Protein backbone atom coordinates (compact mmCIF):
# COMPACT_ATOMS: atom_id res chain seq x y z
CA MET A 1 -3.92 23.25 64.84
CA ARG A 2 -0.37 22.94 66.18
CA VAL A 3 1.95 20.94 63.93
CA ASP A 4 5.58 20.02 64.67
CA PHE A 5 7.84 18.79 61.88
CA VAL A 6 10.99 16.76 62.53
CA ILE A 7 13.55 16.15 59.79
CA THR A 8 17.03 14.68 59.65
CA GLU A 9 18.61 17.86 58.23
CA LEU A 10 17.66 21.04 56.40
CA ASN A 11 20.25 21.16 53.62
CA VAL A 12 18.53 21.73 50.30
CA GLY A 13 17.05 18.48 48.98
CA GLY A 14 13.74 17.09 47.82
CA ALA A 15 12.34 16.14 51.24
CA GLU A 16 13.63 19.36 52.79
CA ARG A 17 12.01 21.50 50.11
CA CYS A 18 8.73 19.62 50.54
CA LEU A 19 8.77 20.18 54.30
CA THR A 20 9.48 23.89 53.80
CA GLU A 21 6.62 24.36 51.33
CA LEU A 22 4.25 22.35 53.54
CA ALA A 23 5.20 24.28 56.68
CA LEU A 24 4.78 27.65 54.97
CA GLY A 25 1.51 26.56 53.36
CA LEU A 26 0.05 25.47 56.69
CA LYS A 27 1.26 28.65 58.38
CA ALA A 28 -0.51 30.69 55.70
CA ARG A 29 -3.73 28.82 56.56
CA GLY A 30 -3.48 29.82 60.21
CA ASP A 31 -1.83 26.78 61.79
CA GLU A 32 0.96 27.01 64.39
CA ILE A 33 4.12 25.42 63.00
CA ARG A 34 7.51 24.48 64.44
CA VAL A 35 10.41 22.65 62.78
CA PHE A 36 13.11 20.53 64.44
CA SER A 37 16.27 19.42 62.60
CA LEU A 38 18.35 16.61 64.09
CA ALA A 39 21.47 17.93 62.36
CA THR A 40 23.06 21.35 62.74
CA LEU A 41 21.26 24.02 60.74
CA PRO A 42 23.11 24.80 57.50
CA ARG A 43 24.51 28.23 56.77
CA ASP A 44 25.58 30.20 53.71
CA HIS A 45 24.13 29.02 50.39
CA GLN A 46 22.81 25.75 51.87
CA GLY A 47 20.75 27.62 54.45
CA VAL A 48 18.14 29.03 52.09
CA LEU A 49 15.35 26.80 53.41
CA VAL A 50 16.06 27.79 57.01
CA GLN A 51 15.98 31.42 55.90
CA ARG A 52 12.62 30.91 54.19
CA LEU A 53 11.17 29.27 57.29
CA HIS A 54 12.41 32.10 59.51
CA ALA A 55 11.07 34.70 57.09
CA GLY A 56 7.68 32.96 57.24
CA GLY A 57 7.59 33.29 61.01
CA ILE A 58 8.33 29.62 61.72
CA HIS A 59 10.55 28.72 64.66
CA VAL A 60 13.35 26.27 63.76
CA SER A 61 15.28 24.26 66.38
CA SER A 62 18.25 21.92 66.05
CA ALA A 63 19.81 19.11 68.07
CA GLY A 64 23.19 19.63 66.39
CA ALA A 65 23.49 15.85 65.96
CA ASP A 66 25.96 15.54 63.09
CA SER A 67 27.30 12.12 64.09
CA ALA A 68 26.01 8.83 65.46
CA THR A 69 27.62 9.53 68.84
CA ARG A 70 25.13 12.35 69.42
CA THR A 71 22.03 10.28 68.63
CA HIS A 72 20.97 9.63 72.23
CA ARG A 73 21.47 13.27 73.15
CA ALA A 74 19.37 14.32 70.15
CA TYR A 75 16.60 11.95 71.25
CA ARG A 76 16.52 13.41 74.77
CA GLN A 77 16.46 16.93 73.37
CA LEU A 78 13.61 16.03 71.01
CA CYS A 79 11.62 14.49 73.90
CA ARG A 80 12.01 17.73 75.88
CA TRP A 81 11.00 19.79 72.85
CA PHE A 82 7.75 17.84 72.48
CA ALA A 83 7.06 17.82 76.24
CA GLU A 84 7.62 21.55 76.75
CA SER A 85 4.96 22.46 74.20
CA LYS A 86 3.08 19.38 73.05
CA PRO A 87 1.68 19.73 69.51
CA ASP A 88 -1.50 18.27 68.08
CA VAL A 89 0.47 16.63 65.26
CA ALA A 90 4.04 15.37 64.93
CA HIS A 91 5.13 14.70 61.35
CA THR A 92 8.59 13.27 60.70
CA PHE A 93 10.57 13.25 57.45
CA LEU A 94 13.37 10.83 56.46
CA HIS A 95 14.82 7.76 58.14
CA HIS A 96 16.62 9.18 61.19
CA ALA A 97 13.79 11.59 61.98
CA ASN A 98 11.22 8.80 61.59
CA VAL A 99 13.13 6.67 64.08
CA LEU A 100 13.93 9.25 66.77
CA GLY A 101 10.80 11.32 66.16
CA GLY A 102 8.49 8.31 66.21
CA PHE A 103 9.71 7.15 69.60
CA ALA A 104 9.91 10.67 71.06
CA ALA A 105 6.42 11.71 69.91
CA ARG A 106 4.95 8.48 71.33
CA ALA A 107 6.72 9.07 74.66
CA ALA A 108 5.39 12.64 74.80
CA GLY A 109 1.83 11.51 74.05
CA VAL A 110 1.42 13.55 70.86
CA PRO A 111 -2.18 12.86 69.70
CA ALA A 112 -1.45 12.42 65.96
CA ARG A 113 1.84 10.96 64.75
CA ILE A 114 2.79 10.63 61.07
CA ALA A 115 5.99 9.28 59.54
CA GLY A 116 7.02 10.33 56.04
CA ILE A 117 8.66 7.79 53.72
CA ARG A 118 10.38 9.63 50.87
CA VAL A 119 12.65 7.03 49.25
CA ALA A 120 12.67 3.27 48.71
CA GLU A 121 16.10 2.33 50.06
CA PRO A 122 16.07 -1.42 50.83
CA ARG A 123 19.08 -1.72 53.14
CA PRO A 124 18.23 -4.52 55.61
CA LEU A 125 19.54 -2.95 58.84
CA ARG A 126 18.05 0.43 58.00
CA CYS A 127 14.68 -1.16 57.27
CA TRP A 128 14.74 -3.24 60.47
CA ILE A 129 15.36 -0.16 62.61
CA GLU A 130 12.70 1.94 60.90
CA ARG A 131 10.16 -0.91 61.02
CA SER A 132 10.17 -0.74 64.83
CA ALA A 133 9.72 3.03 64.90
CA LEU A 134 6.79 2.96 62.46
CA LYS A 135 4.80 0.87 64.92
CA ARG A 136 4.67 3.99 67.12
CA VAL A 137 2.93 6.21 64.55
CA HIS A 138 -0.68 6.40 63.42
CA ARG A 139 -0.12 6.82 59.69
CA VAL A 140 2.73 6.44 57.22
CA ALA A 141 2.67 9.04 54.44
CA CYS A 142 4.33 7.85 51.21
CA VAL A 143 5.21 10.09 48.28
CA SER A 144 4.23 7.52 45.66
CA ARG A 145 2.53 4.17 45.21
CA GLY A 146 5.95 2.65 44.60
CA VAL A 147 7.13 3.88 48.00
CA GLU A 148 3.90 2.61 49.56
CA ARG A 149 4.63 -0.87 48.18
CA PHE A 150 8.14 -0.60 49.61
CA ALA A 151 6.75 0.42 53.01
CA VAL A 152 4.46 -2.61 53.10
CA GLU A 153 7.05 -5.12 51.85
CA PHE A 154 10.25 -3.91 53.55
CA LEU A 155 9.03 -1.87 56.53
CA GLY A 156 6.16 -4.11 57.61
CA CYS A 157 3.49 -1.42 57.34
CA ASP A 158 -0.11 -2.52 57.23
CA SER A 159 -1.66 -1.27 53.99
CA GLY A 160 -4.47 0.31 56.02
CA LYS A 161 -1.91 2.47 57.80
CA THR A 162 -0.34 3.97 54.69
CA ILE A 163 -1.47 6.91 52.58
CA VAL A 164 -0.01 8.28 49.33
CA ILE A 165 0.45 12.05 49.09
CA PRO A 166 2.67 13.10 46.16
CA ASN A 167 5.02 16.06 46.16
CA GLY A 168 3.90 19.41 44.84
CA VAL A 169 5.70 22.01 42.75
CA ASP A 170 5.36 25.74 42.11
CA VAL A 171 4.64 25.41 38.39
CA ASP A 172 4.50 29.14 37.72
CA ARG A 173 7.98 29.69 39.16
CA PHE A 174 9.55 27.13 36.85
CA ALA A 175 7.40 27.99 33.84
CA SER A 176 8.29 31.70 34.02
CA ALA A 177 11.99 31.36 34.90
CA GLU A 178 14.41 33.18 32.60
CA ALA A 179 16.42 30.60 30.69
CA PHE A 180 20.10 30.36 31.54
CA ARG A 181 22.51 31.57 28.84
CA TRP A 182 25.04 28.83 28.13
CA SER A 183 27.61 31.41 27.04
CA ARG A 184 28.07 32.14 30.76
CA ILE A 185 29.93 28.83 31.04
CA GLY A 186 31.66 29.05 27.67
CA TRP A 187 29.19 27.09 25.54
CA PRO A 188 27.19 28.30 22.53
CA ASP A 189 23.82 29.69 23.56
CA ASP A 190 22.15 27.28 21.13
CA ALA A 191 23.83 24.23 22.71
CA GLN A 192 21.64 21.13 23.12
CA VAL A 193 22.24 20.46 26.79
CA SER A 194 21.36 17.25 28.59
CA LEU A 195 21.06 18.24 32.26
CA PHE A 196 21.59 16.15 35.39
CA VAL A 197 20.69 17.71 38.75
CA GLY A 198 21.15 15.78 41.97
CA ARG A 199 23.55 14.26 44.46
CA PHE A 200 26.79 12.90 43.07
CA HIS A 201 26.11 9.57 44.74
CA PRO A 202 25.94 5.93 43.55
CA GLN A 203 22.15 6.00 44.03
CA LYS A 204 21.81 8.34 41.05
CA GLY A 205 23.27 5.97 38.44
CA ILE A 206 25.75 8.54 37.16
CA GLU A 207 27.85 5.77 35.61
CA ASN A 208 25.08 5.48 32.98
CA LEU A 209 25.71 9.07 31.91
CA GLN A 210 29.42 8.38 31.68
CA GLN A 211 28.85 5.31 29.53
CA GLN A 212 26.67 7.26 27.09
CA VAL A 213 28.64 10.49 26.97
CA ASP A 214 29.30 10.07 23.25
CA CYS A 215 25.54 10.32 22.66
CA LEU A 216 24.76 13.02 25.22
CA ALA A 217 27.82 15.13 24.42
CA THR A 218 28.94 14.08 20.94
CA SER A 219 32.27 15.49 19.76
CA ASN A 220 32.07 18.34 17.25
CA SER A 221 28.31 18.76 17.73
CA PRO A 222 25.98 21.12 19.61
CA ARG A 223 25.36 18.44 22.25
CA ARG A 224 26.61 19.03 25.80
CA LEU A 225 26.26 17.35 29.20
CA LEU A 226 25.93 19.51 32.34
CA MET A 227 25.94 17.94 35.80
CA VAL A 228 24.87 20.03 38.80
CA GLY A 229 25.29 18.99 42.42
CA GLU A 230 27.55 17.90 45.25
CA GLY A 231 28.35 14.56 46.82
CA PRO A 232 30.94 11.83 47.42
CA LEU A 233 31.55 11.16 43.71
CA ARG A 234 32.38 14.76 42.88
CA GLY A 235 36.18 14.37 42.89
CA GLU A 236 36.27 11.50 40.42
CA LEU A 237 33.60 13.16 38.25
CA VAL A 238 35.68 16.33 38.03
CA ASP A 239 38.65 14.27 36.84
CA TRP A 240 36.47 12.41 34.33
CA ALA A 241 34.98 15.63 32.94
CA LYS A 242 38.46 17.07 32.45
CA ARG A 243 39.45 14.00 30.43
CA ILE A 244 36.35 14.31 28.25
CA GLY A 245 36.85 18.06 27.85
CA ASN A 246 35.01 21.09 29.20
CA ASP A 247 33.77 21.84 25.69
CA ARG A 248 31.59 18.70 26.03
CA VAL A 249 31.02 18.09 29.76
CA GLN A 250 30.96 20.44 32.73
CA LEU A 251 30.14 20.19 36.43
CA LEU A 252 28.58 23.00 38.40
CA PRO A 253 28.31 23.09 42.21
CA TRP A 254 24.98 23.00 44.00
CA GLN A 255 22.71 25.86 42.88
CA SER A 256 20.16 27.65 45.05
CA ASP A 257 17.86 27.98 42.02
CA VAL A 258 17.98 25.43 39.21
CA ALA A 259 14.90 26.77 37.41
CA PRO A 260 16.91 28.83 34.83
CA LEU A 261 19.10 25.80 34.03
CA ILE A 262 16.10 23.50 33.60
CA ARG A 263 14.30 26.04 31.42
CA ALA A 264 17.33 26.27 29.13
CA CYS A 265 18.17 22.57 28.79
CA ARG A 266 17.10 20.31 25.94
CA LEU A 267 16.16 17.52 28.34
CA LEU A 268 16.66 16.41 31.93
CA VAL A 269 18.37 13.04 32.48
CA LEU A 270 18.05 11.10 35.74
CA PRO A 271 19.29 7.46 35.62
CA SER A 272 18.76 6.66 39.34
CA HIS A 273 18.78 3.14 40.75
CA TYR A 274 16.01 4.00 43.24
CA GLU A 275 14.01 7.05 44.29
CA GLY A 276 10.70 7.85 45.99
CA MET A 277 9.21 10.50 43.74
CA PRO A 278 12.05 12.42 42.06
CA ASN A 279 11.47 16.12 42.66
CA VAL A 280 13.79 17.20 39.87
CA VAL A 281 11.64 15.30 37.35
CA LEU A 282 8.60 17.16 38.64
CA GLU A 283 10.50 20.45 38.36
CA ALA A 284 11.47 19.67 34.75
CA MET A 285 7.83 18.95 33.99
CA ALA A 286 6.82 22.28 35.55
CA ALA A 287 9.42 24.03 33.37
CA GLY A 288 7.96 22.41 30.25
CA ARG A 289 10.92 20.19 29.46
CA PRO A 290 11.06 16.50 28.53
CA VAL A 291 12.81 14.01 30.78
CA VAL A 292 14.67 10.76 30.36
CA CYS A 293 14.61 8.95 33.69
CA SER A 294 14.90 5.40 34.94
CA ARG A 295 11.62 3.69 35.81
CA VAL A 296 12.03 4.14 39.54
CA GLU A 297 9.44 4.61 42.28
CA GLY A 298 7.10 7.49 41.45
CA SER A 299 8.08 7.87 37.79
CA ASP A 300 4.92 6.19 36.48
CA GLU A 301 2.73 8.47 38.61
CA LEU A 302 4.54 11.56 37.40
CA LEU A 303 4.74 10.73 33.71
CA ALA A 304 1.49 8.75 33.33
CA ASP A 305 0.64 8.29 29.61
CA THR A 306 4.14 9.34 28.46
CA ILE A 307 5.98 6.87 30.72
CA VAL A 308 7.25 4.84 27.73
CA GLN A 309 8.49 7.92 25.88
CA GLN A 310 10.33 9.32 28.90
CA SER A 311 11.57 6.42 31.03
CA PHE A 312 13.65 3.27 30.73
CA PRO A 313 14.24 0.16 32.86
CA VAL A 314 16.72 0.77 35.68
CA GLY A 315 20.27 0.19 34.43
CA ASP A 316 19.34 -0.19 30.75
CA VAL A 317 21.85 2.26 29.26
CA SER A 318 20.96 1.31 25.69
CA ALA A 319 17.31 2.24 26.27
CA MET A 320 18.40 5.46 27.98
CA LYS A 321 20.52 6.34 24.94
CA ASN A 322 17.64 5.70 22.52
CA LEU A 323 15.25 7.92 24.48
CA ALA A 324 17.80 10.72 24.76
CA GLU A 325 18.58 10.48 21.06
CA GLN A 326 14.94 11.03 20.09
CA PHE A 327 14.78 14.29 22.05
CA LEU A 328 18.23 15.54 21.06
CA SER A 329 17.44 15.06 17.39
CA ASP A 330 13.84 16.37 17.40
CA GLU A 331 13.18 19.78 18.94
CA ALA A 332 9.50 19.68 17.99
CA LEU A 333 9.07 16.47 19.99
CA CYS A 334 10.79 18.13 22.96
CA ASN A 335 8.32 20.99 22.87
CA GLU A 336 5.33 18.67 22.43
CA ILE A 337 6.24 16.46 25.40
CA GLY A 338 7.23 19.53 27.41
CA ILE A 339 3.72 20.99 27.06
CA ILE A 340 2.18 17.67 28.14
CA ASN A 341 4.49 17.53 31.15
CA GLN A 342 3.76 21.09 32.23
CA THR A 343 0.01 20.61 31.92
CA ARG A 344 0.15 17.46 34.03
CA ALA A 345 2.29 19.14 36.70
CA ARG A 346 -0.14 22.03 36.91
CA GLU A 347 -3.27 19.84 37.08
CA HIS A 348 -2.06 17.08 39.42
CA PHE A 349 0.96 18.26 41.45
CA SER A 350 0.28 21.76 42.71
CA LEU A 351 1.60 22.94 46.07
CA SER A 352 -1.88 23.86 47.25
CA ALA A 353 -3.13 20.33 46.58
CA MET A 354 -0.22 18.87 48.55
CA VAL A 355 -0.83 21.17 51.53
CA SER A 356 -4.56 20.41 51.49
CA ALA A 357 -3.95 16.65 51.40
CA TYR A 358 -1.65 16.74 54.41
CA ARG A 359 -3.97 19.05 56.34
CA ASP A 360 -6.90 16.74 55.66
CA LEU A 361 -4.82 13.84 56.98
CA TYR A 362 -3.98 15.69 60.19
CA CYS A 363 -7.64 16.65 60.76
CA SER A 364 -8.81 13.08 60.18
CA LEU A 365 -6.47 11.81 62.89
CA LEU A 366 -7.55 14.47 65.36
């Protein structure tokens, strides 16, 4: 089976990691795989996914479309890419790839066309544009039931056209990672660290962490707050952290491997306003750590029976504080919930299960 993937960009993120694992998993099962990025391929530390794809023998192409002015050129290039070597399956990831890839794959006559919806972002213009493109595909793959509901309500998808395939995670990699030593950043090695990993972007609800810093990083206590990532809010967050004090709050840049940090933290905190199925929550579960996350799309499917113990209504900072407090003050509870999380990740969200589900979808369409 020949499968072409199209994605908006290949910087390290949840959708990009999923595509990489899926492409490599299919390649290992004997399928022919190609990947097309609309944006320029990243280099240096952000290029690790491209390097993994190349190392796995997967050809990666790029349209170099880093601005809206290059959109039409990227579309023409994508049409030629499909036409020169038409695949059996075209699978697109993220909004811009769904739009351009949906139209281009239809024009090229690709037999099976799938769009991937990874996040529930209800911006009216964005939804209107994507709604038109999704009419050109055969199936819409959603990462969670919450995203599926979004696709039906906001993107006009027929419920018979959607399918839910959750993300997968390499549980063993996170479970066996060597825990980070906090002394490397000037904190006591027994610090009780609340960890945020993600984009420094309004979507992530970082203002909730700032409002509850006195709980998460209490003065003259072992509690600390570590925030890891990049994004448009970084400058003001750096200034804020300096005012609070590096002995309580620190920011680290994007990391190629967050497994050691997650293994070492007391809990992961993710107060997002919307998601699809937050990969970092799944990674924390794989590492055997508890989480405190907002009740966004996908959280109920990840956390299942412990949803009340580990999630709070979006924007409810008081509820977030109460959940964090229970884990920061009770190490035994952290370990208990961590074991439950890891077991669930291993049983329900393995990479092999994700690859099999997508491959079954492709075969059913062909």
